[in-house]
C-alpha atoms as a PDB file:
ATOM      1  CA  MET A   1     -33.674  45.213 -32.161  1.00  0.00           C
ATOM      2  CA  SER A   2     -33.552  42.582 -29.430  1.00  0.00           C
ATOM      3  CA  SER A   3     -36.017  42.399 -26.609  1.00  0.00           C
ATOM      4  CA  ILE A   4     -34.800  42.163 -23.045  1.00  0.00           C
ATOM      5  CA  THR A   5     -36.302  39.367 -21.003  1.00  0.00           C
ATOM      6  CA  LYS A   6     -37.293  40.456 -17.527  1.00  0.00           C
ATOM      7  CA  LYS A   7     -36.950  38.213 -14.535  1.00  0.00           C
ATOM      8  CA  GLN A   8     -40.034  37.059 -12.651  1.00  0.00           C
ATOM      9  CA  PHE A   9     -39.863  36.256  -8.964  1.00  0.00           C
ATOM     10  CA  TYR A  10     -41.772  33.938  -6.654  1.00  0.00           C
ATOM     11  CA  GLY A  11     -41.452  34.255  -2.905  1.00  0.00           C
ATOM     12  CA  THR A  12     -43.104  32.566   0.046  1.00  0.00           C
ATOM     13  CA  ASN A  13     -43.333  33.173   3.775  1.00  0.00           C
ATOM     14  CA  SER A  14     -40.405  30.853   4.424  1.00  0.00           C
ATOM     15  CA  PRO A  15     -38.434  32.281   7.331  1.00  0.00           C
ATOM     16  CA  TRP A  16     -35.202  31.504   5.470  1.00  0.00           C
ATOM     17  CA  GLU A  17     -36.275  33.520   2.416  1.00  0.00           C
ATOM     18  CA  LEU A  18     -37.218  36.444   4.633  1.00  0.00           C
ATOM     19  CA  SER A  19     -34.083  36.394   6.777  1.00  0.00           C
ATOM     20  CA  ILE A  20     -31.625  35.826   3.923  1.00  0.00           C
ATOM     21  CA  GLY A  21     -33.475  37.964   1.386  1.00  0.00           C
ATOM     22  CA  HIS A  22     -33.749  35.595  -1.574  1.00  0.00           C
ATOM     23  CA  TYR A  23     -36.685  34.296  -3.589  1.00  0.00           C
ATOM     24  CA  ARG A  24     -37.925  30.708  -3.643  1.00  0.00           C
ATOM     25  CA  ALA A  25     -37.725  30.790  -7.437  1.00  0.00           C
ATOM     26  CA  VAL A  26     -36.740  33.034 -10.314  1.00  0.00           C
ATOM     27  CA  ARG A  27     -37.823  32.766 -13.943  1.00  0.00           C
ATOM     28  CA  HIS A  28     -35.742  34.217 -16.751  1.00  0.00           C
ATOM     29  CA  GLY A  29     -37.060  33.508 -20.209  1.00  0.00           C
ATOM     30  CA  GLN A  30     -38.263  29.912 -20.165  1.00  0.00           C
ATOM     31  CA  LEU A  31     -35.851  28.881 -17.396  1.00  0.00           C
ATOM     32  CA  ILE A  32     -37.050  28.539 -13.805  1.00  0.00           C
ATOM     33  CA  TYR A  33     -34.488  28.209 -11.016  1.00  0.00           C
ATOM     34  CA  VAL A  34     -35.790  27.023  -7.655  1.00  0.00           C
ATOM     35  CA  SER A  35     -33.587  27.844  -4.662  1.00  0.00           C
ATOM     36  CA  GLY A  36     -32.482  25.235  -2.204  1.00  0.00           C
ATOM     37  CA  SER A  37     -35.707  24.523  -0.346  1.00  0.00           C
ATOM     38  CA  THR A  38     -36.395  22.818   2.962  1.00  0.00           C
ATOM     39  CA  ALA A  39     -39.322  21.938   5.195  1.00  0.00           C
ATOM     40  CA  ALA A  40     -39.257  25.296   6.956  1.00  0.00           C
ATOM     41  CA  ASP A  41     -42.387  26.176   8.892  1.00  0.00           C
ATOM     42  CA  PRO A  42     -43.840  29.210   7.068  1.00  0.00           C
ATOM     43  CA  LYS A  43     -45.485  30.329  10.326  1.00  0.00           C
ATOM     44  CA  SER A  44     -42.175  30.636  12.152  1.00  0.00           C
ATOM     45  CA  ALA A  45     -40.391  33.950  12.522  1.00  0.00           C
ATOM     46  CA  PRO A  46     -37.401  34.864  10.319  1.00  0.00           C
ATOM     47  CA  ASP A  47     -35.273  35.337  13.433  1.00  0.00           C
ATOM     48  CA  ALA A  48     -36.308  31.915  14.820  1.00  0.00           C
ATOM     49  CA  PRO A  49     -37.021  29.563  11.902  1.00  0.00           C
ATOM     50  CA  GLN A  50     -38.544  26.204  12.746  1.00  0.00           C
ATOM     51  CA  VAL A  51     -38.292  22.995  10.723  1.00  0.00           C
ATOM     52  CA  LEU A  52     -41.341  20.838  10.070  1.00  0.00           C
ATOM     53  CA  PHE A  53     -41.143  17.085  10.719  1.00  0.00           C
ATOM     54  CA  PRO A  54     -37.893  17.022  12.746  1.00  0.00           C
ATOM     55  CA  GLY A  55     -36.166  13.657  12.461  1.00  0.00           C
ATOM     56  CA  ASP A  56     -38.261  12.560   9.442  1.00  0.00           C
ATOM     57  CA  ALA A  57     -36.362  12.999   6.166  1.00  0.00           C
ATOM     58  CA  ARG A  58     -39.124  11.328   4.141  1.00  0.00           C
ATOM     59  CA  ARG A  59     -41.769  13.833   5.228  1.00  0.00           C
ATOM     60  CA  GLN A  60     -39.338  16.743   4.880  1.00  0.00           C
ATOM     61  CA  ALA A  61     -38.523  15.654   1.306  1.00  0.00           C
ATOM     62  CA  ARG A  62     -42.188  15.252   0.322  1.00  0.00           C
ATOM     63  CA  TYR A  63     -43.137  18.648   1.761  1.00  0.00           C
ATOM     64  CA  THR A  64     -40.145  20.268   0.057  1.00  0.00           C
ATOM     65  CA  LEU A  65     -40.851  18.777  -3.377  1.00  0.00           C
ATOM     66  CA  GLU A  66     -44.495  19.860  -3.109  1.00  0.00           C
ATOM     67  CA  GLN A  67     -43.333  23.420  -2.342  1.00  0.00           C
ATOM     68  CA  ILE A  68     -40.937  23.302  -5.304  1.00  0.00           C
ATOM     69  CA  ILE A  69     -43.669  22.142  -7.680  1.00  0.00           C
ATOM     70  CA  ASP A  70     -45.916  24.966  -6.425  1.00  0.00           C
ATOM     71  CA  ALA A  71     -43.110  27.450  -7.190  1.00  0.00           C
ATOM     72  CA  VAL A  72     -42.633  26.064 -10.703  1.00  0.00           C
ATOM     73  CA  ARG A  73     -46.368  26.372 -11.370  1.00  0.00           C
ATOM     74  CA  ALA A  74     -46.471  29.904  -9.941  1.00  0.00           C
ATOM     75  CA  LEU A  75     -43.882  30.968 -12.522  1.00  0.00           C
ATOM     76  CA  GLY A  76     -45.667  29.426 -15.489  1.00  0.00           C
ATOM     77  CA  GLY A  77     -44.338  25.880 -15.459  1.00  0.00           C
ATOM     78  CA  ARG A  78     -46.700  22.907 -15.670  1.00  0.00           C
ATOM     79  CA  GLY A  79     -45.412  21.349 -12.452  1.00  0.00           C
ATOM     80  CA  ALA A  80     -43.386  18.148 -12.174  1.00  0.00           C
ATOM     81  CA  GLU A  81     -43.401  17.851 -15.977  1.00  0.00           C
ATOM     82  CA  SER A  82     -41.369  21.063 -16.286  1.00  0.00           C
ATOM     83  CA  ILE A  83     -38.569  20.054 -13.896  1.00  0.00           C
ATOM     84  CA  VAL A  84     -35.382  19.004 -15.705  1.00  0.00           C
ATOM     85  CA  ARG A  85     -32.762  18.874 -12.943  1.00  0.00           C
ATOM     86  CA  THR A  86     -32.901  18.102  -9.234  1.00  0.00           C
ATOM     87  CA  LYS A  87     -30.181  18.387  -6.589  1.00  0.00           C
ATOM     88  CA  MET A  88     -30.877  16.720  -3.256  1.00  0.00           C
ATOM     89  CA  TYR A  89     -28.741  17.292  -0.193  1.00  0.00           C
ATOM     90  CA  VAL A  90     -29.176  15.013   2.825  1.00  0.00           C
ATOM     91  CA  GLN A  91     -27.543  15.274   6.226  1.00  0.00           C
ATOM     92  CA  ARG A  92     -27.354  11.564   7.068  1.00  0.00           C
ATOM     93  CA  GLN A  93     -26.563   8.543   4.928  1.00  0.00           C
ATOM     94  CA  GLU A  94     -29.548   6.648   6.332  1.00  0.00           C
ATOM     95  CA  ASP A  95     -31.812   9.297   4.807  1.00  0.00           C
ATOM     96  CA  CYS A  96     -30.710   8.592   1.220  1.00  0.00           C
ATOM     97  CA  SER A  97     -33.194   5.744   0.673  1.00  0.00           C
ATOM     98  CA  PRO A  98     -36.270   7.502   2.112  1.00  0.00           C
ATOM     99  CA  VAL A  99     -35.495  10.677   0.156  1.00  0.00           C
ATOM    100  CA  ALA A 100     -34.915   8.639  -3.018  1.00  0.00           C
ATOM    101  CA  GLU A 101     -38.288   6.918  -2.533  1.00  0.00           C
ATOM    102  CA  VAL A 102     -40.052  10.269  -2.312  1.00  0.00           C
ATOM    103  CA  PHE A 103     -38.156  11.493  -5.382  1.00  0.00           C
ATOM    104  CA  ARG A 104     -39.265   8.382  -7.330  1.00  0.00           C
ATOM    105  CA  ASP A 105     -42.879   8.847  -6.220  1.00  0.00           C
ATOM    106  CA  ILE A 106     -43.010  12.451  -7.381  1.00  0.00           C
ATOM    107  CA  LEU A 107     -40.360  12.978 -10.085  1.00  0.00           C
ATOM    108  CA  GLY A 108     -39.210   9.479 -11.023  1.00  0.00           C
ATOM    109  CA  ARG A 109     -39.117   8.363 -14.631  1.00  0.00           C
ATOM    110  CA  GLN A 110     -41.528   5.497 -13.968  1.00  0.00           C
ATOM    111  CA  ASN A 111     -44.290   8.123 -13.688  1.00  0.00           C
ATOM    112  CA  GLY A 112     -44.288   8.279 -17.491  1.00  0.00           C
ATOM    113  CA  GLY A 113     -45.380  11.061 -19.719  1.00  0.00           C
ATOM    114  CA  GLU A 114     -43.082  14.038 -19.463  1.00  0.00           C
ATOM    115  CA  ILE A 115     -42.088  13.488 -15.836  1.00  0.00           C
ATOM    116  CA  GLY A 116     -38.399  12.758 -15.407  1.00  0.00           C
ATOM    117  CA  THR A 117     -35.344  14.723 -14.349  1.00  0.00           C
ATOM    118  CA  ALA A 118     -31.588  14.550 -14.121  1.00  0.00           C
ATOM    119  CA  ALA A 119     -30.722  14.192 -10.449  1.00  0.00           C
ATOM    120  CA  THR A 120     -27.912  14.316  -7.918  1.00  0.00           C
ATOM    121  CA  MET A 121     -27.977  13.341  -4.243  1.00  0.00           C
ATOM    122  CA  VAL A 122     -25.146  14.397  -1.934  1.00  0.00           C
ATOM    123  CA  ILE A 123     -24.568  13.750   1.763  1.00  0.00           C
ATOM    124  CA  VAL A 124     -23.496  17.000   3.425  1.00  0.00           C
ATOM    125  CA  GLY A 125     -21.966  17.815   6.792  1.00  0.00           C
ATOM    126  CA  GLY A 126     -24.966  19.762   8.039  1.00  0.00           C
ATOM    127  CA  PHE A 127     -27.411  22.584   7.436  1.00  0.00           C
ATOM    128  CA  CYS A 128     -28.265  25.919   9.058  1.00  0.00           C
ATOM    129  CA  ASP A 129     -30.598  24.145  11.469  1.00  0.00           C
ATOM    130  CA  PRO A 130     -29.780  20.770  13.058  1.00  0.00           C
ATOM    131  CA  HIS A 131     -33.394  19.576  12.536  1.00  0.00           C
ATOM    132  CA  MET A 132     -33.094  20.153   8.792  1.00  0.00           C
ATOM    133  CA  LEU A 133     -32.333  16.793   7.165  1.00  0.00           C
ATOM    134  CA  VAL A 134     -33.023  17.553   3.504  1.00  0.00           C
ATOM    135  CA  GLU A 135     -32.549  20.461   1.107  1.00  0.00           C
ATOM    136  CA  ILE A 136     -33.620  20.254  -2.530  1.00  0.00           C
ATOM    137  CA  GLU A 137     -33.155  22.590  -5.473  1.00  0.00           C
ATOM    138  CA  CYS A 138     -34.523  22.250  -8.984  1.00  0.00           C
ATOM    139  CA  ASP A 139     -34.271  23.749 -12.426  1.00  0.00           C
ATOM    140  CA  ALA A 140     -37.272  23.743 -14.733  1.00  0.00           C
ATOM    141  CA  VAL A 141     -38.159  24.870 -18.239  1.00  0.00           C
ATOM    142  CA  ALA A 142     -41.519  26.515 -18.872  1.00  0.00           C
ATOM    143  CA  ASP A 143     -43.312  26.253 -22.180  1.00  0.00           C
ATOM    144  CA  ALA A 144     -42.786  29.173 -24.547  1.00  0.00           C
ATOM    145  CA  GLU A 145     -45.294  31.947 -24.016  1.00  0.00           C
END
């Protein structure tokens, strides 16, 4: 007889999560999938979302990765060590270097230990809000329970 693995959910007060109706992250088995995340102001209303740090991709990326790591931990991951894949979307080419620097600081392989992730960075035509410069999504693997 096989056991059925139930999904676990993690949500925040992000206005985008509330208006769209998705979760920040979902765990199924040992896999944790973190939705595309941005520097959305959690105090802003779902019908009028605000972006933190307009014009500053570096600060948006740092805030976003910190939120992602919190989500991974909330679903039983260890944090940055559990992240195995990262997809970064930037609106402007000039933001690639600042976002990459933040990625290296937080998830880069030079951090040693078990920190390190496969990664992709793509320049996109725009986001839902013109002040949004960065969106990041991650996949993680939690230790077996």
